[in-house]
Structure formats: C-alpha cells, structure tokens
Amino acid sequence: MVAERLADGAGPPRVIFARDTRQDGRLGEPQRRTSPTQSGRGSSATARTMAGMAIARFPSIVIDCPDPGALARFYGAMLDWKVDVSSDWAEVRAEYGQCISFQQVNGYMPPVWPTQEPPQQMHLDVIVDDLDAAEAEVLDLGATKHPHQPGTSFRVFLDPAGHPFCLCVN
C-alpha cells in the first residue's frame, strides 16, 4: 500500500493498494508498499499508514436477498468459490480469502434498473474472457439478461434475486 498526502497537505493520508500480476496474467496477492508521509498531525495519523497497520483487511460485500442459500449457490457456481449456507446467511469465499456474503431480508424488493426505483445501491462487475460463452453459462445458472444493454464491452444481467451484475471483458 502507498500512503500519499493530498497536494495541499490537508486531510488524512490517502492509501493506495497495489496488486502484482502473476506470470499467468491473473492478479496475485496485494503487495504493500509504503512511502514516507509528513502528517503534521502527530503519530496517530502517521501510524495508520505504516506497513501492517491497516485499519481493516479483506472488505466483504454483503448483499440483501430473500434466499441467501440460493444466491450463494448462484455466485459460488459463477465464480467457482466455496459456498457456506446457514438459515439466514450464506457466503461464497475464494481460496485466497475474498468473500461475498448474502443476508436474508424479510420483505426484500429487488432493485429496478435502470430506472432506480427502488435503486440498485450497488452491483458487481466480473471480468470474463469471452462474453458469449460467459453469457450462456450465467443464463444456465439462473441469471436473466436485462433488455437494456448500454455498452459493447460488458453485458448486464440480473441474478436470481434481481440484483444487476455485469459481465465485462475489460
């Protein structure tokens, strides 16, 4: 990670994370890099930017849905990640630790995209090598292709709970 001070020196240091690319072209584990900062605010502001002093690691996304197990199985199959399901919570986890969680919400209403009523609030973009092949696979898993397709390098789908997600080639 790299900590940088904003140009005017005001505010907390900005933290930048970098990833190495492995020989096979896939992303490797995050590599921490540090650069000296001059905080002018004492040691507490500087301590947060030192290697190994992150406030948090591995942020997880939690997605509201009516059936956590069904949605976890969908994303687990799409990403080839391990699925763990309990009564009102489920998650999918990559071998390297990244996780997407799903929580049951009574009265869940799926977002309506692109109108935003109710709003989508967030969506996942996943990178694929071949849009046509990936489209066929996610449709087979239970996704629905959205009729509104605003780009050419990505395609918009709805997961089984109605959340938009995009298959992207770049």
C-alpha atoms as a PDB file:
ATOM      1  CA  MET A   1       0.000   0.000   0.000  1.00  0.00           C
ATOM      2  CA  VAL A   2       1.163   3.523  -0.651  1.00  0.00           C
ATOM      3  CA  ALA A   3       0.194   6.414   1.568  1.00  0.00           C
ATOM      4  CA  GLU A   4       0.198   9.830  -0.005  1.00  0.00           C
ATOM      5  CA  ARG A   5      -0.685  13.251   1.334  1.00  0.00           C
ATOM      6  CA  LEU A   6      -3.087  15.376  -0.682  1.00  0.00           C
ATOM      7  CA  ALA A   7      -1.419  18.199  -2.615  1.00  0.00           C
ATOM      8  CA  ASP A   8      -2.396  20.876  -0.078  1.00  0.00           C
ATOM      9  CA  GLY A   9      -1.300  18.723   2.882  1.00  0.00           C
ATOM     10  CA  ALA A  10      -4.798  18.814   4.392  1.00  0.00           C
ATOM     11  CA  GLY A  11      -6.821  15.820   5.435  1.00  0.00           C
ATOM     12  CA  PRO A  12      -5.763  12.282   6.254  1.00  0.00           C
ATOM     13  CA  PRO A  13      -3.231  10.421   4.135  1.00  0.00           C
ATOM     14  CA  ARG A  14      -4.653   8.734   1.049  1.00  0.00           C
ATOM     15  CA  VAL A  15      -3.978   4.979   0.889  1.00  0.00           C
ATOM     16  CA  ILE A  16      -3.413   3.229  -2.429  1.00  0.00           C
ATOM     17  CA  PHE A  17      -3.379  -0.564  -2.736  1.00  0.00           C
ATOM     18  CA  ALA A  18      -1.440  -2.321  -5.488  1.00  0.00           C
ATOM     19  CA  ARG A  19      -1.577  -5.892  -6.753  1.00  0.00           C
ATOM     20  CA  ASP A  20       1.123  -7.811  -8.532  1.00  0.00           C
ATOM     21  CA  THR A  21       0.203  -9.610 -11.718  1.00  0.00           C
ATOM     22  CA  ARG A  22       1.223 -13.270 -11.684  1.00  0.00           C
ATOM     23  CA  GLN A  23       3.016 -14.902 -14.599  1.00  0.00           C
ATOM     24  CA  ASP A  24      -0.292 -16.393 -15.820  1.00  0.00           C
ATOM     25  CA  GLY A  25      -1.801 -12.882 -16.022  1.00  0.00           C
ATOM     26  CA  ARG A  26      -4.127 -13.266 -13.024  1.00  0.00           C
ATOM     27  CA  LEU A  27      -3.985 -10.920 -10.068  1.00  0.00           C
ATOM     28  CA  GLY A  28      -1.779 -12.030  -7.212  1.00  0.00           C
ATOM     29  CA  GLU A  29      -1.950 -11.168  -3.538  1.00  0.00           C
ATOM     30  CA  PRO A  30      -1.900  -7.486  -2.558  1.00  0.00           C
ATOM     31  CA  GLN A  31       1.592  -6.102  -2.184  1.00  0.00           C
ATOM     32  CA  ARG A  32       2.113  -3.496   0.497  1.00  0.00           C
ATOM     33  CA  ARG A  33       4.325  -0.573  -0.340  1.00  0.00           C
ATOM     34  CA  THR A  34       4.939   2.406   1.862  1.00  0.00           C
ATOM     35  CA  SER A  35       6.195   5.889   1.236  1.00  0.00           C
ATOM     36  CA  PRO A  36       7.038   8.432   3.861  1.00  0.00           C
ATOM     37  CA  THR A  37       4.392  10.980   4.698  1.00  0.00           C
ATOM     38  CA  GLN A  38       4.514  14.162   6.671  1.00  0.00           C
ATOM     39  CA  SER A  39       1.270  14.368   8.505  1.00  0.00           C
ATOM     40  CA  GLY A  40       1.857  17.321  10.743  1.00  0.00           C
ATOM     41  CA  ARG A  41      -0.816  15.821  12.975  1.00  0.00           C
ATOM     42  CA  GLY A  42       1.256  13.667  15.265  1.00  0.00           C
ATOM     43  CA  SER A  43       1.997   9.957  15.331  1.00  0.00           C
ATOM     44  CA  SER A  44      -1.597   8.672  15.252  1.00  0.00           C
ATOM     45  CA  ALA A  45      -2.212   9.871  11.680  1.00  0.00           C
ATOM     46  CA  THR A  46       1.142   8.512  10.541  1.00  0.00           C
ATOM     47  CA  ALA A  47       0.763   5.151  12.298  1.00  0.00           C
ATOM     48  CA  ARG A  48      -2.223   4.200  10.168  1.00  0.00           C
ATOM     49  CA  THR A  49      -0.110   4.465   7.002  1.00  0.00           C
ATOM     50  CA  MET A  50       2.726   2.219   8.146  1.00  0.00           C
ATOM     51  CA  ALA A  51       3.019  -1.293   6.679  1.00  0.00           C
ATOM     52  CA  GLY A  52       0.986  -3.777   8.696  1.00  0.00           C
ATOM     53  CA  MET A  53      -1.067  -1.057  10.346  1.00  0.00           C
ATOM     54  CA  ALA A  54      -4.189  -1.134   8.173  1.00  0.00           C
ATOM     55  CA  ILE A  55      -7.423  -0.335   9.961  1.00  0.00           C
ATOM     56  CA  ALA A  56      -9.157  -3.222   8.164  1.00  0.00           C
ATOM     57  CA  ARG A  57      -8.452  -6.000   5.668  1.00  0.00           C
ATOM     58  CA  PHE A  58     -10.418  -8.043   3.129  1.00  0.00           C
ATOM     59  CA  PRO A  59     -13.536  -5.929   2.844  1.00  0.00           C
ATOM     60  CA  SER A  60     -16.569  -8.104   2.326  1.00  0.00           C
ATOM     61  CA  ILE A  61     -19.682  -7.220   0.401  1.00  0.00           C
ATOM     62  CA  VAL A  62     -22.999  -8.235   1.990  1.00  0.00           C
ATOM     63  CA  ILE A  63     -25.969  -8.447  -0.372  1.00  0.00           C
ATOM     64  CA  ASP A  64     -29.579  -8.356   0.828  1.00  0.00           C
ATOM     65  CA  CYS A  65     -31.851 -11.020  -0.670  1.00  0.00           C
ATOM     66  CA  PRO A  66     -34.873 -13.225   0.068  1.00  0.00           C
ATOM     67  CA  ASP A  67     -32.972 -16.561  -0.097  1.00  0.00           C
ATOM     68  CA  PRO A  68     -29.270 -16.379   0.887  1.00  0.00           C
ATOM     69  CA  GLY A  69     -28.566 -20.025   0.053  1.00  0.00           C
ATOM     70  CA  ALA A  70     -29.932 -19.793  -3.483  1.00  0.00           C
ATOM     71  CA  LEU A  71     -27.984 -16.622  -4.226  1.00  0.00           C
ATOM     72  CA  ALA A  72     -24.774 -18.021  -2.707  1.00  0.00           C
ATOM     73  CA  ARG A  73     -25.068 -21.151  -4.851  1.00  0.00           C
ATOM     74  CA  PHE A  74     -25.562 -18.961  -7.953  1.00  0.00           C
ATOM     75  CA  TYR A  75     -22.476 -16.802  -7.285  1.00  0.00           C
ATOM     76  CA  GLY A  76     -20.460 -19.766  -5.992  1.00  0.00           C
ATOM     77  CA  ALA A  77     -21.036 -21.597  -9.273  1.00  0.00           C
ATOM     78  CA  MET A  78     -20.336 -18.492 -11.369  1.00  0.00           C
ATOM     79  CA  LEU A  79     -17.080 -17.671  -9.549  1.00  0.00           C
ATOM     80  CA  ASP A  80     -16.098 -21.261  -8.658  1.00  0.00           C
ATOM     81  CA  TRP A  81     -15.904 -20.287  -4.970  1.00  0.00           C
ATOM     82  CA  LYS A  82     -16.744 -22.351  -1.881  1.00  0.00           C
ATOM     83  CA  VAL A  83     -20.337 -21.951  -0.632  1.00  0.00           C
ATOM     84  CA  ASP A  84     -21.315 -21.938   3.077  1.00  0.00           C
ATOM     85  CA  VAL A  85     -25.018 -21.656   3.955  1.00  0.00           C
ATOM     86  CA  SER A  86     -26.882 -21.226   7.265  1.00  0.00           C
ATOM     87  CA  SER A  87     -30.564 -20.415   7.844  1.00  0.00           C
ATOM     88  CA  ASP A  88     -30.494 -16.650   7.196  1.00  0.00           C
ATOM     89  CA  TRP A  89     -26.926 -16.058   5.997  1.00  0.00           C
ATOM     90  CA  ALA A  90     -24.674 -17.501   3.317  1.00  0.00           C
ATOM     91  CA  GLU A  91     -21.327 -16.683   1.801  1.00  0.00           C
ATOM     92  CA  VAL A  92     -19.061 -17.601  -1.050  1.00  0.00           C
ATOM     93  CA  ARG A  93     -15.324 -17.484  -0.490  1.00  0.00           C
ATOM     94  CA  ALA A  94     -12.348 -17.665  -2.823  1.00  0.00           C
ATOM     95  CA  GLU A  95      -9.330 -19.792  -1.914  1.00  0.00           C
ATOM     96  CA  TYR A  96      -7.354 -16.558  -1.367  1.00  0.00           C
ATOM     97  CA  GLY A  97      -9.951 -15.259   1.132  1.00  0.00           C
ATOM     98  CA  GLN A  98     -12.138 -12.748  -0.723  1.00  0.00           C
ATOM     99  CA  CYS A  99     -15.772 -13.178   0.315  1.00  0.00           C
ATOM    100  CA  ILE A 100     -19.256 -12.148  -0.773  1.00  0.00           C
ATOM    101  CA  SER A 101     -21.988 -12.628   1.850  1.00  0.00           C
ATOM    102  CA  PHE A 102     -25.757 -12.790   1.492  1.00  0.00           C
ATOM    103  CA  GLN A 103     -28.262 -11.964   4.226  1.00  0.00           C
ATOM    104  CA  GLN A 104     -31.958 -12.731   4.337  1.00  0.00           C
ATOM    105  CA  VAL A 105     -34.207  -9.668   4.396  1.00  0.00           C
ATOM    106  CA  ASN A 106     -37.925 -10.033   5.029  1.00  0.00           C
ATOM    107  CA  GLY A 107     -39.965  -8.066   2.517  1.00  0.00           C
ATOM    108  CA  TYR A 108     -36.983  -7.824   0.150  1.00  0.00           C
ATOM    109  CA  MET A 109     -37.735  -5.834  -3.014  1.00  0.00           C
ATOM    110  CA  PRO A 110     -35.313  -6.253  -5.923  1.00  0.00           C
ATOM    111  CA  PRO A 111     -33.868  -3.118  -7.496  1.00  0.00           C
ATOM    112  CA  VAL A 112     -35.274  -1.887 -10.790  1.00  0.00           C
ATOM    113  CA  TRP A 113     -32.554  -0.964 -13.224  1.00  0.00           C
ATOM    114  CA  PRO A 114     -32.021   1.387 -14.988  1.00  0.00           C
ATOM    115  CA  THR A 115     -34.929   3.397 -13.503  1.00  0.00           C
ATOM    116  CA  GLN A 116     -33.558   3.203  -9.921  1.00  0.00           C
ATOM    117  CA  GLU A 117     -36.985   2.890  -8.275  1.00  0.00           C
ATOM    118  CA  PRO A 118     -36.148   1.151  -5.966  1.00  0.00           C
ATOM    119  CA  PRO A 119     -32.429   1.863  -6.504  1.00  0.00           C
ATOM    120  CA  GLN A 120     -29.837  -0.825  -7.100  1.00  0.00           C
ATOM    121  CA  GLN A 121     -27.440   0.713  -4.497  1.00  0.00           C
ATOM    122  CA  MET A 122     -24.573  -1.448  -5.789  1.00  0.00           C
ATOM    123  CA  HIS A 123     -23.750  -4.053  -8.408  1.00  0.00           C
ATOM    124  CA  LEU A 124     -20.937  -6.478  -9.140  1.00  0.00           C
ATOM    125  CA  ASP A 125     -18.760  -6.339 -12.241  1.00  0.00           C
ATOM    126  CA  VAL A 126     -16.980  -9.596 -13.021  1.00  0.00           C
ATOM    127  CA  ILE A 127     -14.268  -9.995 -15.654  1.00  0.00           C
ATOM    128  CA  VAL A 128     -14.657 -12.715 -18.289  1.00  0.00           C
ATOM    129  CA  ASP A 129     -12.569 -13.794 -21.269  1.00  0.00           C
ATOM    130  CA  ASP A 130     -15.485 -14.381 -23.660  1.00  0.00           C
ATOM    131  CA  LEU A 131     -18.798 -12.523 -23.304  1.00  0.00           C
ATOM    132  CA  ASP A 132     -20.804 -15.002 -25.384  1.00  0.00           C
ATOM    133  CA  ALA A 133     -19.537 -18.077 -23.517  1.00  0.00           C
ATOM    134  CA  ALA A 134     -19.948 -16.403 -20.101  1.00  0.00           C
ATOM    135  CA  GLU A 135     -23.464 -15.261 -21.014  1.00  0.00           C
ATOM    136  CA  ALA A 136     -24.510 -18.814 -21.827  1.00  0.00           C
ATOM    137  CA  GLU A 137     -23.074 -20.056 -18.528  1.00  0.00           C
ATOM    138  CA  VAL A 138     -24.738 -17.458 -16.279  1.00  0.00           C
ATOM    139  CA  LEU A 139     -28.075 -17.915 -18.048  1.00  0.00           C
ATOM    140  CA  ASP A 140     -27.762 -21.645 -17.386  1.00  0.00           C
ATOM    141  CA  LEU A 141     -27.129 -20.852 -13.690  1.00  0.00           C
ATOM    142  CA  GLY A 142     -30.361 -18.845 -13.455  1.00  0.00           C
ATOM    143  CA  ALA A 143     -29.400 -15.290 -14.412  1.00  0.00           C
ATOM    144  CA  THR A 144     -31.628 -13.194 -16.657  1.00  0.00           C
ATOM    145  CA  LYS A 145     -30.212 -10.968 -19.397  1.00  0.00           C
ATOM    146  CA  HIS A 146     -31.523  -7.439 -18.920  1.00  0.00           C
ATOM    147  CA  PRO A 147     -33.212  -5.956 -22.013  1.00  0.00           C
ATOM    148  CA  HIS A 148     -31.274  -2.665 -21.598  1.00  0.00           C
ATOM    149  CA  GLN A 149     -27.673  -3.164 -22.756  1.00  0.00           C
ATOM    150  CA  PRO A 150     -25.885   0.225 -22.710  1.00  0.00           C
ATOM    151  CA  GLY A 151     -22.383  -0.916 -23.747  1.00  0.00           C
ATOM    152  CA  THR A 152     -20.423  -3.214 -26.025  1.00  0.00           C
ATOM    153  CA  SER A 153     -17.611  -4.361 -23.716  1.00  0.00           C
ATOM    154  CA  PHE A 154     -19.993  -5.551 -20.983  1.00  0.00           C
ATOM    155  CA  ARG A 155     -23.438  -7.104 -20.600  1.00  0.00           C
ATOM    156  CA  VAL A 156     -25.974  -6.510 -17.852  1.00  0.00           C
ATOM    157  CA  PHE A 157     -27.751  -9.422 -16.152  1.00  0.00           C
ATOM    158  CA  LEU A 158     -29.965  -9.900 -13.122  1.00  0.00           C
ATOM    159  CA  ASP A 159     -29.061 -12.555 -10.565  1.00  0.00           C
ATOM    160  CA  PRO A 160     -31.818 -14.871  -9.258  1.00  0.00           C
ATOM    161  CA  ALA A 161     -32.811 -12.259  -6.615  1.00  0.00           C
ATOM    162  CA  GLY A 162     -32.992  -9.439  -9.183  1.00  0.00           C
ATOM    163  CA  HIS A 163     -29.668  -7.654  -8.480  1.00  0.00           C
ATOM    164  CA  PRO A 164     -27.958  -6.283 -11.589  1.00  0.00           C
ATOM    165  CA  PHE A 165     -24.443  -7.529 -12.318  1.00  0.00           C
ATOM    166  CA  CYS A 166     -22.209  -7.111 -15.340  1.00  0.00           C
ATOM    167  CA  LEU A 167     -20.015  -9.496 -17.275  1.00  0.00           C
ATOM    168  CA  CYS A 168     -17.108  -7.366 -18.538  1.00  0.00           C
ATOM    169  CA  VAL A 169     -14.249  -8.040 -20.929  1.00  0.00           C
ATOM    170  CA  ASN A 170     -12.170  -5.156 -19.611  1.00  0.00           C
END
